[in-house]
PDB file of N, CA and C in Angstrom:
ATOM      1  N   MET A   1      -0.947  37.570   5.403  1.00  0.00           N
ATOM      2  CA  MET A   1      -1.740  36.651   6.193  1.00  0.00           C
ATOM      3  C   MET A   1      -0.845  35.486   6.610  1.00  0.00           C
ATOM      4  N   ASP A   2      -1.041  34.983   7.812  1.00  0.00           N
ATOM      5  CA  ASP A   2      -0.208  33.901   8.337  1.00  0.00           C
ATOM      6  C   ASP A   2      -0.557  32.570   7.693  1.00  0.00           C
ATOM      7  N   ASN A   3       0.486  31.774   7.514  1.00  0.00           N
ATOM      8  CA  ASN A   3       0.302  30.427   7.001  1.00  0.00           C
ATOM      9  C   ASN A   3       0.032  29.502   8.181  1.00  0.00           C
ATOM     10  N   PRO A   4      -1.090  28.788   8.226  1.00  0.00           N
ATOM     11  CA  PRO A   4      -1.404  27.962   9.401  1.00  0.00           C
ATOM     12  C   PRO A   4      -0.495  26.748   9.542  1.00  0.00           C
ATOM     13  N   GLU A   5       0.278  26.414   8.506  1.00  0.00           N
ATOM     14  CA  GLU A   5       1.138  25.237   8.583  1.00  0.00           C
ATOM     15  C   GLU A   5       2.478  25.527   9.257  1.00  0.00           C
ATOM     16  N   THR A   6       2.811  26.795   9.454  1.00  0.00           N
ATOM     17  CA  THR A   6       4.085  27.129  10.069  1.00  0.00           C
ATOM     18  C   THR A   6       3.848  27.895  11.361  1.00  0.00           C
ATOM     19  N   ALA A   7       4.717  27.695  12.306  1.00  0.00           N
ATOM     20  CA  ALA A   7       4.624  28.424  13.564  1.00  0.00           C
ATOM     21  C   ALA A   7       5.130  29.847  13.345  1.00  0.00           C
ATOM     22  N   PRO A   8       4.709  30.795  14.165  1.00  0.00           N
ATOM     23  CA  PRO A   8       5.186  32.169  13.996  1.00  0.00           C
ATOM     24  C   PRO A   8       6.699  32.243  14.144  1.00  0.00           C
ATOM     25  N   GLY A   9       7.315  32.963  13.229  1.00  0.00           N
ATOM     26  CA  GLY A   9       8.761  33.147  13.288  1.00  0.00           C
ATOM     27  C   GLY A   9       9.558  32.024  12.632  1.00  0.00           C
ATOM     28  N   GLN A  10       8.878  31.041  12.072  1.00  0.00           N
ATOM     29  CA  GLN A  10       9.571  29.949  11.407  1.00  0.00           C
ATOM     30  C   GLN A  10       9.204  29.945   9.934  1.00  0.00           C
ATOM     31  N   GLY A  11      10.159  29.552   9.117  1.00  0.00           N
ATOM     32  CA  GLY A  11       9.892  29.402   7.701  1.00  0.00           C
ATOM     33  C   GLY A  11       9.231  28.066   7.445  1.00  0.00           C
ATOM     34  N   PRO A  12       8.915  27.796   6.199  1.00  0.00           N
ATOM     35  CA  PRO A  12       8.322  26.496   5.882  1.00  0.00           C
ATOM     36  C   PRO A  12       9.307  25.370   6.180  1.00  0.00           C
ATOM     37  N   ASN A  13       8.809  24.286   6.715  1.00  0.00           N
ATOM     38  CA  ASN A  13       9.652  23.162   7.101  1.00  0.00           C
ATOM     39  C   ASN A  13       9.638  22.115   5.995  1.00  0.00           C
ATOM     40  N   PRO A  14      10.765  21.887   5.320  1.00  0.00           N
ATOM     41  CA  PRO A  14      10.780  20.846   4.293  1.00  0.00           C
ATOM     42  C   PRO A  14      10.685  19.467   4.943  1.00  0.00           C
ATOM     43  N   ALA A  15      10.173  18.517   4.205  1.00  0.00           N
ATOM     44  CA  ALA A  15      10.028  17.154   4.729  1.00  0.00           C
ATOM     45  C   ALA A  15      11.408  16.579   4.992  1.00  0.00           C
ATOM     46  N   PRO A  16      11.651  16.116   6.209  1.00  0.00           N
ATOM     47  CA  PRO A  16      12.970  15.571   6.513  1.00  0.00           C
ATOM     48  C   PRO A  16      13.177  14.235   5.818  1.00  0.00           C
ATOM     49  N   ALA A  17      14.380  14.042   5.320  1.00  0.00           N
ATOM     50  CA  ALA A  17      14.718  12.782   4.649  1.00  0.00           C
ATOM     51  C   ALA A  17      14.672  11.621   5.632  1.00  0.00           C
ATOM     52  N   ARG A  18      14.879  11.915   6.905  1.00  0.00           N
ATOM     53  CA  ARG A  18      14.849  10.867   7.928  1.00  0.00           C
ATOM     54  C   ARG A  18      13.499  10.163   7.972  1.00  0.00           C
ATOM     55  N   GLU A  19      12.424  10.909   7.758  1.00  0.00           N
ATOM     56  CA  GLU A  19      11.094  10.303   7.768  1.00  0.00           C
ATOM     57  C   GLU A  19      10.948   9.294   6.626  1.00  0.00           C
ATOM     58  N   TYR A  20      11.440   9.651   5.452  1.00  0.00           N
ATOM     59  CA  TYR A  20      11.387   8.728   4.317  1.00  0.00           C
ATOM     60  C   TYR A  20      12.210   7.474   4.588  1.00  0.00           C
ATOM     61  N   VAL A  21      13.397   7.657   5.134  1.00  0.00           N
ATOM     62  CA  VAL A  21      14.274   6.520   5.411  1.00  0.00           C
ATOM     63  C   VAL A  21      13.657   5.606   6.473  1.00  0.00           C
ATOM     64  N   ASN A  22      13.095   6.195   7.529  1.00  0.00           N
ATOM     65  CA  ASN A  22      12.478   5.387   8.587  1.00  0.00           C
ATOM     66  C   ASN A  22      11.321   4.544   8.058  1.00  0.00           C
ATOM     67  N   TYR A  23      10.450   5.141   7.268  1.00  0.00           N
ATOM     68  CA  TYR A  23       9.323   4.397   6.721  1.00  0.00           C
ATOM     69  C   TYR A  23       9.793   3.315   5.753  1.00  0.00           C
ATOM     70  N   ALA A  24      10.777   3.628   4.911  1.00  0.00           N
ATOM     71  CA  ALA A  24      11.269   2.643   3.943  1.00  0.00           C
ATOM     72  C   ALA A  24      11.928   1.464   4.652  1.00  0.00           C
ATOM     73  N   ILE A  25      12.746   1.734   5.656  1.00  0.00           N
ATOM     74  CA  ILE A  25      13.413   0.648   6.386  1.00  0.00           C
ATOM     75  C   ILE A  25      12.393  -0.160   7.198  1.00  0.00           C
ATOM     76  N   GLY A  26      11.440   0.512   7.800  1.00  0.00           N
ATOM     77  CA  GLY A  26      10.407  -0.200   8.549  1.00  0.00           C
ATOM     78  C   GLY A  26       9.588  -1.124   7.661  1.00  0.00           C
ATOM     79  N   GLY A  27       9.191  -0.633   6.494  1.00  0.00           N
ATOM     80  CA  GLY A  27       8.444  -1.470   5.558  1.00  0.00           C
ATOM     81  C   GLY A  27       9.279  -2.613   5.036  1.00  0.00           C
ATOM     82  N   LEU A  28      10.554  -2.332   4.755  1.00  0.00           N
ATOM     83  CA  LEU A  28      11.456  -3.370   4.263  1.00  0.00           C
ATOM     84  C   LEU A  28      11.618  -4.486   5.292  1.00  0.00           C
ATOM     85  N   ILE A  29      11.812  -4.124   6.544  1.00  0.00           N
ATOM     86  CA  ILE A  29      11.992  -5.130   7.597  1.00  0.00           C
ATOM     87  C   ILE A  29      10.694  -5.909   7.831  1.00  0.00           C
ATOM     88  N   ALA A  30       9.587  -5.197   7.972  1.00  0.00           N
ATOM     89  CA  ALA A  30       8.319  -5.871   8.275  1.00  0.00           C
ATOM     90  C   ALA A  30       7.910  -6.825   7.160  1.00  0.00           C
ATOM     91  N   TRP A  31       7.860  -6.333   5.941  1.00  0.00           N
ATOM     92  CA  TRP A  31       7.419  -7.185   4.839  1.00  0.00           C
ATOM     93  C   TRP A  31       8.491  -8.179   4.417  1.00  0.00           C
ATOM     94  N   GLY A  32       9.748  -7.853   4.657  1.00  0.00           N
ATOM     95  CA  GLY A  32      10.807  -8.832   4.410  1.00  0.00           C
ATOM     96  C   GLY A  32      10.684 -10.025   5.342  1.00  0.00           C
ATOM     97  N   LEU A  33      10.359  -9.762   6.618  1.00  0.00           N
ATOM     98  CA  LEU A  33      10.158 -10.859   7.565  1.00  0.00           C
ATOM     99  C   LEU A  33       8.911 -11.682   7.236  1.00  0.00           C
ATOM    100  N   ILE A  34       7.861 -11.010   6.802  1.00  0.00           N
ATOM    101  CA  ILE A  34       6.665 -11.741   6.386  1.00  0.00           C
ATOM    102  C   ILE A  34       6.994 -12.622   5.176  1.00  0.00           C
ATOM    103  N   GLY A  35       7.734 -12.063   4.216  1.00  0.00           N
ATOM    104  CA  GLY A  35       8.141 -12.847   3.046  1.00  0.00           C
ATOM    105  C   GLY A  35       9.059 -13.999   3.420  1.00  0.00           C
ATOM    106  N   TRP A  36       9.949 -13.764   4.366  1.00  0.00           N
ATOM    107  CA  TRP A  36      10.855 -14.825   4.827  1.00  0.00           C
ATOM    108  C   TRP A  36      10.052 -15.964   5.458  1.00  0.00           C
ATOM    109  N   GLY A  37       9.056 -15.618   6.261  1.00  0.00           N
ATOM    110  CA  GLY A  37       8.201 -16.635   6.862  1.00  0.00           C
ATOM    111  C   GLY A  37       7.427 -17.424   5.812  1.00  0.00           C
ATOM    112  N   LEU A  38       6.926 -16.721   4.803  1.00  0.00           N
ATOM    113  CA  LEU A  38       6.233 -17.416   3.717  1.00  0.00           C
ATOM    114  C   LEU A  38       7.186 -18.296   2.914  1.00  0.00           C
ATOM    115  N   ASP A  39       8.432 -17.839   2.749  1.00  0.00           N
ATOM    116  CA  ASP A  39       9.434 -18.667   2.069  1.00  0.00           C
ATOM    117  C   ASP A  39       9.656 -19.973   2.818  1.00  0.00           C
ATOM    118  N   LEU A  40       9.752 -19.890   4.128  1.00  0.00           N
ATOM    119  CA  LEU A  40       9.933 -21.103   4.931  1.00  0.00           C
ATOM    120  C   LEU A  40       8.702 -22.010   4.848  1.00  0.00           C
ATOM    121  N   LEU A  41       7.549 -21.407   4.884  1.00  0.00           N
ATOM    122  CA  LEU A  41       6.308 -22.161   4.866  1.00  0.00           C
ATOM    123  C   LEU A  41       6.071 -22.833   3.511  1.00  0.00           C
ATOM    124  N   LEU A  42       6.349 -22.105   2.443  1.00  0.00           N
ATOM    125  CA  LEU A  42       6.057 -22.602   1.094  1.00  0.00           C
ATOM    126  C   LEU A  42       7.265 -23.213   0.391  1.00  0.00           C
ATOM    127  N   ASP A  43       8.411 -23.236   1.060  1.00  0.00           N
ATOM    128  CA  ASP A  43       9.644 -23.793   0.503  1.00  0.00           C
ATOM    129  C   ASP A  43      10.028 -23.128  -0.826  1.00  0.00           C
ATOM    130  N   THR A  44      10.078 -21.786  -0.804  1.00  0.00           N
ATOM    131  CA  THR A  44      10.501 -21.008  -1.971  1.00  0.00           C
ATOM    132  C   THR A  44      11.677 -20.132  -1.556  1.00  0.00           C
ATOM    133  N   ARG A  45      12.205 -19.369  -2.500  1.00  0.00           N
ATOM    134  CA  ARG A  45      13.328 -18.473  -2.207  1.00  0.00           C
ATOM    135  C   ARG A  45      13.084 -17.033  -2.638  1.00  0.00           C
ATOM    136  N   TRP A  46      12.034 -16.754  -3.331  1.00  0.00           N
ATOM    137  CA  TRP A  46      11.868 -15.443  -3.935  1.00  0.00           C
ATOM    138  C   TRP A  46      10.855 -14.544  -3.212  1.00  0.00           C
ATOM    139  N   ILE A  47      10.048 -15.076  -2.336  1.00  0.00           N
ATOM    140  CA  ILE A  47       8.999 -14.270  -1.709  1.00  0.00           C
ATOM    141  C   ILE A  47       9.586 -13.236  -0.741  1.00  0.00           C
ATOM    142  N   ALA A  48      10.677 -13.561  -0.061  1.00  0.00           N
ATOM    143  CA  ALA A  48      11.295 -12.602   0.868  1.00  0.00           C
ATOM    144  C   ALA A  48      11.792 -11.370   0.111  1.00  0.00           C
ATOM    145  N   PHE A  49      12.397 -11.570  -1.037  1.00  0.00           N
ATOM    146  CA  PHE A  49      12.865 -10.444  -1.847  1.00  0.00           C
ATOM    147  C   PHE A  49      11.685  -9.597  -2.310  1.00  0.00           C
ATOM    148  N   LEU A  50      10.640 -10.244  -2.781  1.00  0.00           N
ATOM    149  CA  LEU A  50       9.454  -9.530  -3.231  1.00  0.00           C
ATOM    150  C   LEU A  50       8.804  -8.768  -2.070  1.00  0.00           C
ATOM    151  N   GLY A  51       8.743  -9.394  -0.896  1.00  0.00           N
ATOM    152  CA  GLY A  51       8.167  -8.733   0.269  1.00  0.00           C
ATOM    153  C   GLY A  51       8.976  -7.521   0.699  1.00  0.00           C
ATOM    154  N   ALA A  52      10.307  -7.633   0.675  1.00  0.00           N
ATOM    155  CA  ALA A  52      11.158  -6.503   1.045  1.00  0.00           C
ATOM    156  C   ALA A  52      10.995  -5.352   0.058  1.00  0.00           C
ATOM    157  N   LEU A  53      10.927  -5.672  -1.214  1.00  0.00           N
ATOM    158  CA  LEU A  53      10.737  -4.644  -2.240  1.00  0.00           C
ATOM    159  C   LEU A  53       9.376  -3.971  -2.089  1.00  0.00           C
ATOM    160  N   LEU A  54       8.355  -4.775  -1.873  1.00  0.00           N
ATOM    161  CA  LEU A  54       7.009  -4.243  -1.665  1.00  0.00           C
ATOM    162  C   LEU A  54       6.943  -3.375  -0.408  1.00  0.00           C
ATOM    163  N   GLY A  55       7.586  -3.825   0.670  1.00  0.00           N
ATOM    164  CA  GLY A  55       7.570  -3.065   1.917  1.00  0.00           C
ATOM    165  C   GLY A  55       8.290  -1.733   1.811  1.00  0.00           C
ATOM    166  N   ALA A  56       9.436  -1.717   1.146  1.00  0.00           N
ATOM    167  CA  ALA A  56      10.171  -0.460   0.971  1.00  0.00           C
ATOM    168  C   ALA A  56       9.376   0.514   0.117  1.00  0.00           C
ATOM    169  N   THR A  57       8.759   0.018  -0.943  1.00  0.00           N
ATOM    170  CA  THR A  57       7.954   0.874  -1.813  1.00  0.00           C
ATOM    171  C   THR A  57       6.737   1.416  -1.063  1.00  0.00           C
ATOM    172  N   ALA A  58       6.064   0.560  -0.322  1.00  0.00           N
ATOM    173  CA  ALA A  58       4.904   1.012   0.450  1.00  0.00           C
ATOM    174  C   ALA A  58       5.316   2.005   1.535  1.00  0.00           C
ATOM    175  N   GLY A  59       6.484   1.804   2.146  1.00  0.00           N
ATOM    176  CA  GLY A  59       6.975   2.739   3.154  1.00  0.00           C
ATOM    177  C   GLY A  59       7.242   4.116   2.576  1.00  0.00           C
ATOM    178  N   LEU A  60       7.835   4.166   1.393  1.00  0.00           N
ATOM    179  CA  LEU A  60       8.075   5.458   0.740  1.00  0.00           C
ATOM    180  C   LEU A  60       6.762   6.138   0.372  1.00  0.00           C
ATOM    181  N   PHE A  61       5.817   5.355  -0.116  1.00  0.00           N
ATOM    182  CA  PHE A  61       4.508   5.916  -0.443  1.00  0.00           C
ATOM    183  C   PHE A  61       3.820   6.474   0.803  1.00  0.00           C
ATOM    184  N   LEU A  62       3.872   5.730   1.899  1.00  0.00           N
ATOM    185  CA  LEU A  62       3.237   6.174   3.140  1.00  0.00           C
ATOM    186  C   LEU A  62       3.911   7.434   3.690  1.00  0.00           C
ATOM    187  N   ALA A  63       5.244   7.506   3.614  1.00  0.00           N
ATOM    188  CA  ALA A  63       5.951   8.705   4.068  1.00  0.00           C
ATOM    189  C   ALA A  63       5.545   9.905   3.230  1.00  0.00           C
ATOM    190  N   ARG A  64       5.455   9.728   1.924  1.00  0.00           N
ATOM    191  CA  ARG A  64       5.057  10.827   1.042  1.00  0.00           C
ATOM    192  C   ARG A  64       3.628  11.279   1.368  1.00  0.00           C
ATOM    193  N   HIS A  65       2.761  10.311   1.626  1.00  0.00           N
ATOM    194  CA  HIS A  65       1.377  10.638   1.965  1.00  0.00           C
ATOM    195  C   HIS A  65       1.311  11.443   3.265  1.00  0.00           C
ATOM    196  N   HIS A  66       2.067  11.035   4.272  1.00  0.00           N
ATOM    197  CA  HIS A  66       2.058  11.755   5.551  1.00  0.00           C
ATOM    198  C   HIS A  66       2.624  13.161   5.412  1.00  0.00           C
ATOM    199  N   VAL A  67       3.636  13.317   4.578  1.00  0.00           N
ATOM    200  CA  VAL A  67       4.223  14.644   4.374  1.00  0.00           C
ATOM    201  C   VAL A  67       3.236  15.562   3.658  1.00  0.00           C
ATOM    202  N   ARG A  68       2.529  15.038   2.685  1.00  0.00           N
ATOM    203  CA  ARG A  68       1.615  15.867   1.905  1.00  0.00           C
ATOM    204  C   ARG A  68       0.334  16.202   2.652  1.00  0.00           C
ATOM    205  N   HIS A  69      -0.068  15.370   3.614  1.00  0.00           N
ATOM    206  CA  HIS A  69      -1.358  15.554   4.275  1.00  0.00           C
ATOM    207  C   HIS A  69      -1.222  15.780   5.772  1.00  0.00           C
ATOM    208  N   ARG A  70      -0.230  16.540   6.170  1.00  0.00           N
ATOM    209  CA  ARG A  70      -0.100  16.872   7.591  1.00  0.00           C
ATOM    210  C   ARG A  70      -1.297  17.708   8.019  1.00  0.00           C
ATOM    211  N   ARG A  71      -1.686  17.546   9.286  1.00  0.00           N
ATOM    212  CA  ARG A  71      -2.805  18.336   9.792  1.00  0.00           C
ATOM    213  C   ARG A  71      -2.405  19.792   9.889  1.00  0.00           C
ATOM    214  N   ARG A  72      -3.271  20.645   9.437  1.00  0.00           N
ATOM    215  CA  ARG A  72      -2.985  22.082   9.486  1.00  0.00           C
ATOM    216  C   ARG A  72      -3.215  22.609  10.896  1.00  0.00           C
ATOM    217  N   GLY A  73      -2.414  23.601  11.273  1.00  0.00           N
ATOM    218  CA  GLY A  73      -2.571  24.220  12.570  1.00  0.00           C
ATOM    219  C   GLY A  73      -1.693  23.626  13.646  1.00  0.00           C
ATOM    220  N   PHE A  74      -1.015  22.519  13.352  1.00  0.00           N
ATOM    221  CA  PHE A  74      -0.113  21.914  14.315  1.00  0.00           C
ATOM    222  C   PHE A  74       1.315  22.141  13.855  1.00  0.00           C
ATOM    223  N   PRO A  75       2.222  22.435  14.770  1.00  0.00           N
ATOM    224  CA  PRO A  75       3.613  22.591  14.360  1.00  0.00           C
ATOM    225  C   PRO A  75       4.154  21.269  13.835  1.00  0.00           C
ATOM    226  N   PRO A  76       5.089  21.281  12.862  1.00  0.00           N
ATOM    227  CA  PRO A  76       5.581  20.049  12.259  1.00  0.00           C
ATOM    228  C   PRO A  76       6.346  19.160  13.227  1.00  0.00           C
ATOM    229  N   HIS A  77       6.872  19.704  14.327  1.00  0.00           N
ATOM    230  CA  HIS A  77       7.649  18.915  15.277  1.00  0.00           C
ATOM    231  C   HIS A  77       6.852  18.653  16.541  1.00  0.00           C
ATOM    232  N   ASP A  78       5.549  18.484  16.422  1.00  0.00           N
ATOM    233  CA  ASP A  78       4.686  18.216  17.564  1.00  0.00           C
ATOM    234  C   ASP A  78       4.766  16.727  17.902  1.00  0.00           C
ATOM    235  N   GLU A  79       5.708  16.385  18.783  1.00  0.00           N
ATOM    236  CA  GLU A  79       5.941  14.985  19.130  1.00  0.00           C
ATOM    237  C   GLU A  79       5.568  14.738  20.579  1.00  0.00           C
ATOM    238  N   ILE A  80       5.267  13.508  20.903  1.00  0.00           N
ATOM    239  CA  ILE A  80       4.830  13.145  22.245  1.00  0.00           C
ATOM    240  C   ILE A  80       5.986  13.130  23.227  1.00  0.00           C
ATOM    241  N   ASP A  81       7.170  12.750  22.793  1.00  0.00           N
ATOM    242  CA  ASP A  81       8.297  12.517  23.717  1.00  0.00           C
ATOM    243  C   ASP A  81       9.083  13.771  24.063  1.00  0.00           C
ATOM    244  N   HIS A  82       8.479  14.933  24.058  1.00  0.00           N
ATOM    245  CA  HIS A  82       9.199  16.150  24.455  1.00  0.00           C
ATOM    246  C   HIS A  82       9.372  16.219  25.934  1.00  0.00           C
TER     247      HIS A  82
END
C-alpha cells in the first residue's frame, strides 16, 4: 500500500537540517532583538542573552513540531516559489 506522505517513486524524505537551522537563527535574531530593546529600556545587560537563548530554543521546538506534523498527502517540497 502506498504511503501518503511520499510521492510515487520517492523514498521517505528525512527532515532537512536547514529547516532546523533557519528556525533557530530566526528565533535567535527575533527574540535577541526584543531582549536588546528591553535591555535598553530597563537599563540591564542580561535580557538580550536570555531572549536569544529563548528564541533559539523555541525555534528548534517549532521546527521539530513542523517536521513531525506535516500535512499528509502533500509532497514535502511543496513550495510557493517554484
